[in-house]
Amino acid sequence: MNEPLRHRSRTPRRLALHLARVALLVAIVLLIHRQHRLALEHRANATAARIAVTDVTPLLPSAASLSDPTGPHGLQTARDAQGAEVGSVLQTSPESDHIVGFSGPTNVLIAFGPDDRLAGIRILSSGDPREHVKKVAADDRFMHSFDGLTWPEVENAGRVDAVSGATLTSLAAAQSVMHRLGG
């Protein structure tokens, strides 16, 4: 007769323990969901670093001013001193910041000429070691690998040769450009 009483007294404790475990699991899932939602909001609201005209002139020499970012791609129109359009620019950050080279993302400036063909790329910043970034920036073959291509051609570009000694940095920069343009 004692056995059924002991069994009955343990049942509410077991039920309470199971309910506590389920409540803890639900709380963890809700916290993960909330953190994920906050991270997505932060990424959506992240503003890229302001592009300076001095960053653009090596690629579009006659650029004297830049418009504010417009449209879904955040393109900025580059104009000469007389106000004529000389091209457009955008940067890979923050959209491509998830692409990491050796130790961090690389923000690349992408410039299109007035003919809507890529005029060039330029590294604005990188989380990778300076030596790697310098090697990539000094490699003319790599830095001009997208020149003359249209947006869809860059987006669907195949393999881009990496820079020896800075392989991860150069591949991440190329992937950032292709990803930013929708590839």
Protein backbone atom coordinates (compact mmCIF):
# COMPACT_ATOMS: atom_id res chain seq x y z
CA MET A 1 0.00 0.00 0.00
CA ASN A 2 2.95 2.31 0.54
CA GLU A 3 4.12 1.82 -3.04
CA PRO A 4 1.19 3.60 -4.75
CA LEU A 5 1.52 6.56 -2.36
CA ARG A 6 5.19 7.00 -3.17
CA HIS A 7 4.44 6.81 -6.88
CA ARG A 8 1.72 9.44 -6.56
CA SER A 9 3.97 11.81 -4.60
CA ARG A 10 6.71 11.61 -7.25
CA THR A 11 4.37 12.28 -10.17
CA PRO A 12 3.77 15.97 -9.38
CA ARG A 13 7.50 16.48 -8.86
CA ARG A 14 8.30 14.80 -12.16
CA LEU A 15 5.64 16.83 -13.92
CA ALA A 16 6.98 20.04 -12.39
CA LEU A 17 10.53 19.10 -13.44
CA HIS A 18 9.43 18.37 -17.02
CA LEU A 19 7.45 21.61 -17.18
CA ALA A 20 10.50 23.53 -15.93
CA ARG A 21 12.66 21.89 -18.60
CA VAL A 22 10.15 22.73 -21.33
CA ALA A 23 9.85 26.31 -20.06
CA LEU A 24 13.65 26.66 -20.08
CA LEU A 25 13.83 25.30 -23.63
CA VAL A 26 11.10 27.70 -24.80
CA ALA A 27 12.89 30.61 -23.11
CA ILE A 28 16.16 29.72 -24.86
CA VAL A 29 14.46 29.46 -28.25
CA LEU A 30 12.74 32.82 -27.72
CA LEU A 31 16.01 34.48 -26.71
CA ILE A 32 17.78 33.07 -29.79
CA HIS A 33 14.93 34.28 -32.01
CA ARG A 34 15.02 37.75 -30.43
CA GLN A 35 18.80 38.00 -30.85
CA HIS A 36 18.54 36.89 -34.48
CA ARG A 37 15.83 39.48 -35.15
CA LEU A 38 17.97 42.21 -33.54
CA ALA A 39 20.98 41.16 -35.62
CA LEU A 40 18.92 41.33 -38.83
CA GLU A 41 17.61 44.77 -37.88
CA HIS A 42 21.14 45.95 -37.12
CA ARG A 43 22.39 44.68 -40.48
CA ALA A 44 19.48 46.32 -42.31
CA ASN A 45 20.04 49.63 -40.53
CA ALA A 46 23.82 49.56 -40.79
CA THR A 47 25.11 52.46 -42.74
CA ALA A 48 28.17 52.06 -44.86
CA ALA A 49 31.04 54.44 -44.44
CA ARG A 50 30.61 57.63 -46.40
CA ILE A 51 32.45 57.52 -49.73
CA ALA A 52 34.70 60.53 -50.25
CA VAL A 53 35.26 62.06 -53.68
CA THR A 54 38.99 61.54 -53.12
CA ASP A 55 38.29 57.78 -52.96
CA VAL A 56 36.52 57.96 -56.32
CA THR A 57 38.92 60.14 -58.35
CA PRO A 58 41.51 57.37 -58.92
CA LEU A 59 38.75 55.45 -60.74
CA LEU A 60 36.73 58.35 -62.16
CA PRO A 61 39.30 61.17 -62.49
CA SER A 62 36.83 63.92 -63.42
CA ALA A 63 34.54 63.26 -60.43
CA ALA A 64 34.05 66.39 -58.34
CA SER A 65 30.95 65.45 -56.32
CA LEU A 66 28.82 62.50 -55.28
CA SER A 67 25.08 62.26 -54.81
CA ASP A 68 23.53 60.63 -51.78
CA PRO A 69 22.97 56.87 -52.13
CA THR A 70 19.75 56.13 -54.03
CA GLY A 71 17.70 53.16 -55.11
CA PRO A 72 17.79 49.61 -53.87
CA HIS A 73 21.52 49.27 -54.59
CA GLY A 74 22.66 52.47 -52.89
CA LEU A 75 24.33 53.78 -56.03
CA GLN A 76 25.86 57.23 -55.82
CA THR A 77 26.12 59.32 -58.96
CA ALA A 78 29.51 60.90 -59.60
CA ARG A 79 29.45 64.32 -61.32
CA ASP A 80 32.18 66.54 -62.70
CA ALA A 81 32.67 70.21 -61.77
CA GLN A 82 30.06 71.27 -64.36
CA GLY A 83 27.47 68.81 -62.97
CA ALA A 84 27.66 66.29 -65.80
CA GLU A 85 27.37 62.64 -64.79
CA VAL A 86 30.70 60.83 -65.08
CA GLY A 87 29.69 57.52 -63.56
CA SER A 88 28.34 55.88 -60.43
CA VAL A 89 29.83 54.19 -57.40
CA LEU A 90 28.85 51.87 -54.60
CA GLN A 91 30.68 49.91 -51.95
CA THR A 92 30.51 46.30 -50.86
CA SER A 93 29.95 47.06 -47.17
CA PRO A 94 27.76 46.29 -45.27
CA GLU A 95 26.02 43.85 -47.66
CA SER A 96 29.15 41.73 -48.18
CA ASP A 97 30.64 42.00 -44.69
CA HIS A 98 29.85 38.34 -44.04
CA ILE A 99 32.54 37.41 -46.58
CA VAL A 100 35.77 37.17 -44.64
CA GLY A 101 39.26 36.92 -46.08
CA PHE A 102 42.23 36.13 -43.85
CA SER A 103 40.78 37.75 -40.74
CA GLY A 104 37.99 40.15 -41.65
CA PRO A 105 35.73 41.62 -44.32
CA THR A 106 37.06 43.89 -47.06
CA ASN A 107 35.08 46.94 -48.16
CA VAL A 108 35.61 47.52 -51.87
CA LEU A 109 34.61 50.61 -53.85
CA ILE A 110 33.05 49.69 -57.20
CA ALA A 111 32.98 52.37 -59.90
CA PHE A 112 30.99 52.29 -63.13
CA GLY A 113 31.65 54.72 -65.98
CA PRO A 114 28.97 56.65 -67.86
CA ASP A 115 28.67 53.68 -70.26
CA ASP A 116 27.60 51.47 -67.29
CA ARG A 117 30.76 49.39 -67.56
CA LEU A 118 32.93 48.81 -64.55
CA ALA A 119 35.65 51.45 -64.44
CA GLY A 120 37.54 49.86 -61.57
CA ILE A 121 37.60 48.71 -57.98
CA ARG A 122 39.48 50.10 -55.00
CA ILE A 123 39.92 48.72 -51.50
CA LEU A 124 38.51 51.20 -48.98
CA SER A 125 39.13 49.18 -45.82
CA SER A 126 39.87 45.66 -44.69
CA GLY A 127 40.04 43.60 -41.54
CA ASP A 128 42.90 41.61 -43.06
CA PRO A 129 46.60 42.25 -42.35
CA ARG A 130 47.98 45.40 -44.00
CA GLU A 131 50.63 43.43 -45.88
CA HIS A 132 47.95 41.31 -47.55
CA VAL A 133 45.83 44.34 -48.45
CA LYS A 134 48.89 46.14 -49.90
CA LYS A 135 49.73 43.08 -52.04
CA VAL A 136 46.20 42.95 -53.40
CA ALA A 137 46.02 46.71 -54.05
CA ALA A 138 49.41 46.64 -55.80
CA ASP A 139 48.46 43.77 -58.10
CA ASP A 140 47.25 45.54 -61.27
CA ARG A 141 46.08 42.31 -62.88
CA PHE A 142 43.77 41.58 -59.96
CA MET A 143 42.58 45.16 -59.45
CA HIS A 144 41.63 45.44 -63.13
CA SER A 145 40.13 41.96 -63.48
CA PHE A 146 36.55 43.33 -63.62
CA ASP A 147 37.27 46.43 -65.73
CA GLY A 148 35.02 46.89 -68.75
CA LEU A 149 32.39 44.40 -67.58
CA THR A 150 28.73 45.33 -67.19
CA TRP A 151 26.88 44.78 -63.90
CA PRO A 152 25.37 41.43 -65.06
CA GLU A 153 28.75 40.29 -66.39
CA VAL A 154 30.45 41.00 -63.05
CA GLU A 155 27.56 39.40 -61.18
CA ASN A 156 28.05 36.20 -63.18
CA ALA A 157 31.84 36.36 -63.39
CA GLY A 158 33.57 33.06 -63.15
CA ARG A 159 36.85 32.45 -61.45
CA VAL A 160 39.08 35.41 -60.62
CA ASP A 161 42.77 34.70 -60.11
CA ALA A 162 43.95 35.26 -56.57
CA VAL A 163 47.00 37.26 -55.55
CA SER A 164 49.88 35.07 -54.44
CA GLY A 165 50.75 35.73 -50.80
CA ALA A 166 47.32 37.27 -50.18
CA THR A 167 45.07 34.57 -51.55
CA LEU A 168 42.30 34.78 -48.96
CA THR A 169 42.21 38.58 -48.99
CA SER A 170 42.03 38.77 -52.80
CA LEU A 171 39.42 36.01 -53.12
CA ALA A 172 37.27 37.63 -50.42
CA ALA A 173 37.52 41.00 -52.19
CA ALA A 174 36.46 39.44 -55.51
CA GLN A 175 33.62 37.51 -53.85
CA SER A 176 32.48 40.69 -52.10
CA VAL A 177 32.25 42.53 -55.42
CA MET A 178 30.34 39.70 -57.08
CA HIS A 179 28.04 39.27 -54.08
CA ARG A 180 27.36 43.01 -53.84
CA LEU A 181 26.31 43.07 -57.47
CA GLY A 182 23.91 40.20 -56.87
CA GLY A 183 26.01 37.16 -57.73
